[in-house]
Amino acid sequence: MFFRQEFSCLYVTDMARSLAFYEKALGLKVLRRKDAADREIAFIGNGESAQQVEIVHMNGRTGAYDHGENSVYFAFRTDEFEAARAKHVEMGCFDHDLSEFGVYFIKDPDGYLVEIMPVRK
């Protein structure tokens, strides 16, 4: 028996804004979309990994989601760590460093954290 993670899911308040953010910040593009009466769903990825992110917007939802104290986040590796940091600072989404671990975090428009890690040799 095995388990392979397929995707992580984020609930967002503005689908277009979130898709634009993830494309600009991380190069993730829409792989497939589905719409239903109460929600729209997009799966995004980049071909570097089989892992995808599912973006869900509940129609009619306008208020921010409460993330509480549950600090859930996901991580991406980059081969251009310093250039990525400069880009994220310029975008205004840089959140904080964890310099003792050699990583930093960005925050998406809905307040979700994303860890950025360098390729380690």
Protein backbone atom coordinates (compact mmCIF):
# COMPACT_ATOMS: atom_id res chain seq x y z
CA MET A 1 0.00 0.00 0.00
CA PHE A 2 1.27 3.49 -0.79
CA PHE A 3 0.01 7.05 -0.57
CA ARG A 4 1.07 9.78 -2.97
CA GLN A 5 0.14 13.35 -2.23
CA GLU A 6 -1.67 14.84 -5.20
CA PHE A 7 -2.52 18.39 -4.17
CA SER A 8 -3.01 20.89 -1.39
CA CYS A 9 -6.14 23.03 -1.24
CA LEU A 10 -6.55 26.74 -0.52
CA TYR A 11 -9.87 28.57 -0.16
CA VAL A 12 -9.57 32.08 -1.58
CA THR A 13 -11.73 35.19 -1.76
CA ASP A 14 -10.86 36.19 -5.34
CA MET A 15 -10.01 33.52 -7.91
CA ALA A 16 -8.53 35.86 -10.53
CA ARG A 17 -6.34 37.66 -7.98
CA SER A 18 -5.04 34.38 -6.55
CA LEU A 19 -4.30 32.85 -9.95
CA ALA A 20 -2.45 36.01 -11.01
CA PHE A 21 -0.44 35.98 -7.76
CA TYR A 22 0.64 32.33 -8.03
CA GLU A 23 1.57 32.72 -11.68
CA LYS A 24 3.68 35.83 -11.04
CA ALA A 25 5.22 34.72 -7.72
CA LEU A 26 5.85 31.03 -8.47
CA GLY A 27 5.22 30.44 -12.18
CA LEU A 28 2.19 28.24 -11.50
CA LYS A 29 -0.33 28.00 -14.32
CA VAL A 30 -3.88 26.69 -14.49
CA LEU A 31 -3.82 23.00 -15.40
CA ARG A 32 -7.57 22.47 -15.25
CA ARG A 33 -10.70 24.23 -14.01
CA LYS A 34 -14.14 23.19 -12.90
CA ASP A 35 -17.13 25.30 -11.99
CA ALA A 36 -20.24 24.37 -10.03
CA ALA A 37 -23.23 26.36 -8.88
CA ASP A 38 -21.62 27.21 -5.54
CA ARG A 39 -17.87 27.27 -6.33
CA GLU A 40 -15.12 27.53 -8.87
CA ILE A 41 -12.03 25.33 -8.68
CA ALA A 42 -8.67 25.61 -10.43
CA PHE A 43 -5.73 23.23 -10.17
CA ILE A 44 -2.40 24.96 -10.68
CA GLY A 45 1.12 23.63 -11.16
CA ASN A 46 4.29 24.10 -13.14
CA GLY A 47 5.51 20.80 -14.54
CA GLU A 48 8.55 20.77 -12.20
CA SER A 49 6.61 18.56 -9.80
CA ALA A 50 3.55 16.35 -9.95
CA GLN A 51 2.26 18.21 -6.87
CA GLN A 52 -0.55 20.68 -7.57
CA VAL A 53 -2.39 23.36 -5.63
CA GLU A 54 -6.18 23.38 -5.75
CA ILE A 55 -7.60 26.91 -5.54
CA VAL A 56 -11.26 27.06 -4.47
CA HIS A 57 -13.48 30.14 -4.53
CA MET A 58 -16.92 29.81 -2.97
CA ASN A 59 -19.30 31.97 -5.00
CA GLY A 60 -20.60 34.88 -2.98
CA ARG A 61 -17.81 34.69 -0.39
CA THR A 62 -16.23 38.08 0.19
CA GLY A 63 -14.90 38.01 3.75
CA ALA A 64 -11.41 36.83 4.61
CA TYR A 65 -10.88 33.30 5.87
CA ASP A 66 -9.74 32.98 9.48
CA HIS A 67 -6.48 31.04 9.56
CA GLY A 68 -6.46 31.00 13.36
CA GLU A 69 -3.33 29.63 15.00
CA ASN A 70 -3.10 26.71 12.62
CA SER A 71 0.00 27.71 10.68
CA VAL A 72 -0.35 25.45 7.66
CA TYR A 73 1.83 26.25 4.67
CA PHE A 74 3.50 24.59 1.72
CA ALA A 75 7.01 24.93 0.30
CA PHE A 76 8.74 25.43 -3.02
CA ARG A 77 12.42 25.00 -3.93
CA THR A 78 14.14 27.35 -6.32
CA ASP A 79 17.47 27.24 -8.10
CA GLU A 80 17.65 31.07 -8.05
CA PHE A 81 17.06 31.76 -4.37
CA GLU A 82 18.38 35.33 -4.16
CA ALA A 83 16.66 36.37 -7.41
CA ALA A 84 13.41 34.87 -6.12
CA ARG A 85 13.75 36.76 -2.84
CA ALA A 86 14.33 40.03 -4.72
CA LYS A 87 11.27 39.36 -6.89
CA HIS A 88 9.09 38.62 -3.88
CA VAL A 89 10.30 41.70 -2.02
CA GLU A 90 9.52 43.80 -5.12
CA MET A 91 6.05 42.21 -5.37
CA GLY A 92 5.39 43.12 -1.73
CA CYS A 93 4.60 39.53 -0.75
CA PHE A 94 7.81 38.81 1.22
CA ASP A 95 6.74 37.98 4.78
CA HIS A 96 9.74 36.88 6.85
CA ASP A 97 13.10 35.11 6.95
CA LEU A 98 14.07 32.02 8.85
CA SER A 99 17.75 32.67 8.22
CA GLU A 100 18.90 29.96 10.63
CA PHE A 101 17.25 27.46 8.26
CA GLY A 102 18.20 29.32 5.06
CA VAL A 103 14.60 29.86 3.94
CA TYR A 104 12.05 32.66 3.75
CA PHE A 105 8.28 32.95 3.51
CA ILE A 106 5.94 34.86 1.24
CA LYS A 107 2.27 35.55 1.89
CA ASP A 108 -0.45 35.26 -0.74
CA PRO A 109 -3.39 37.70 -1.05
CA ASP A 110 -5.50 35.60 1.36
CA GLY A 111 -2.78 35.38 4.00
CA TYR A 112 -1.51 31.87 3.23
CA LEU A 113 2.21 31.37 3.80
CA VAL A 114 4.52 29.75 1.26
CA GLU A 115 8.04 28.70 2.24
CA ILE A 116 10.76 29.32 -0.33
CA MET A 117 13.83 27.07 -0.07
CA PRO A 118 17.05 26.97 -2.10
CA VAL A 119 18.18 23.89 -3.97
CA ARG A 120 20.67 22.28 -1.61
CA LYS A 121 23.79 20.65 -3.06
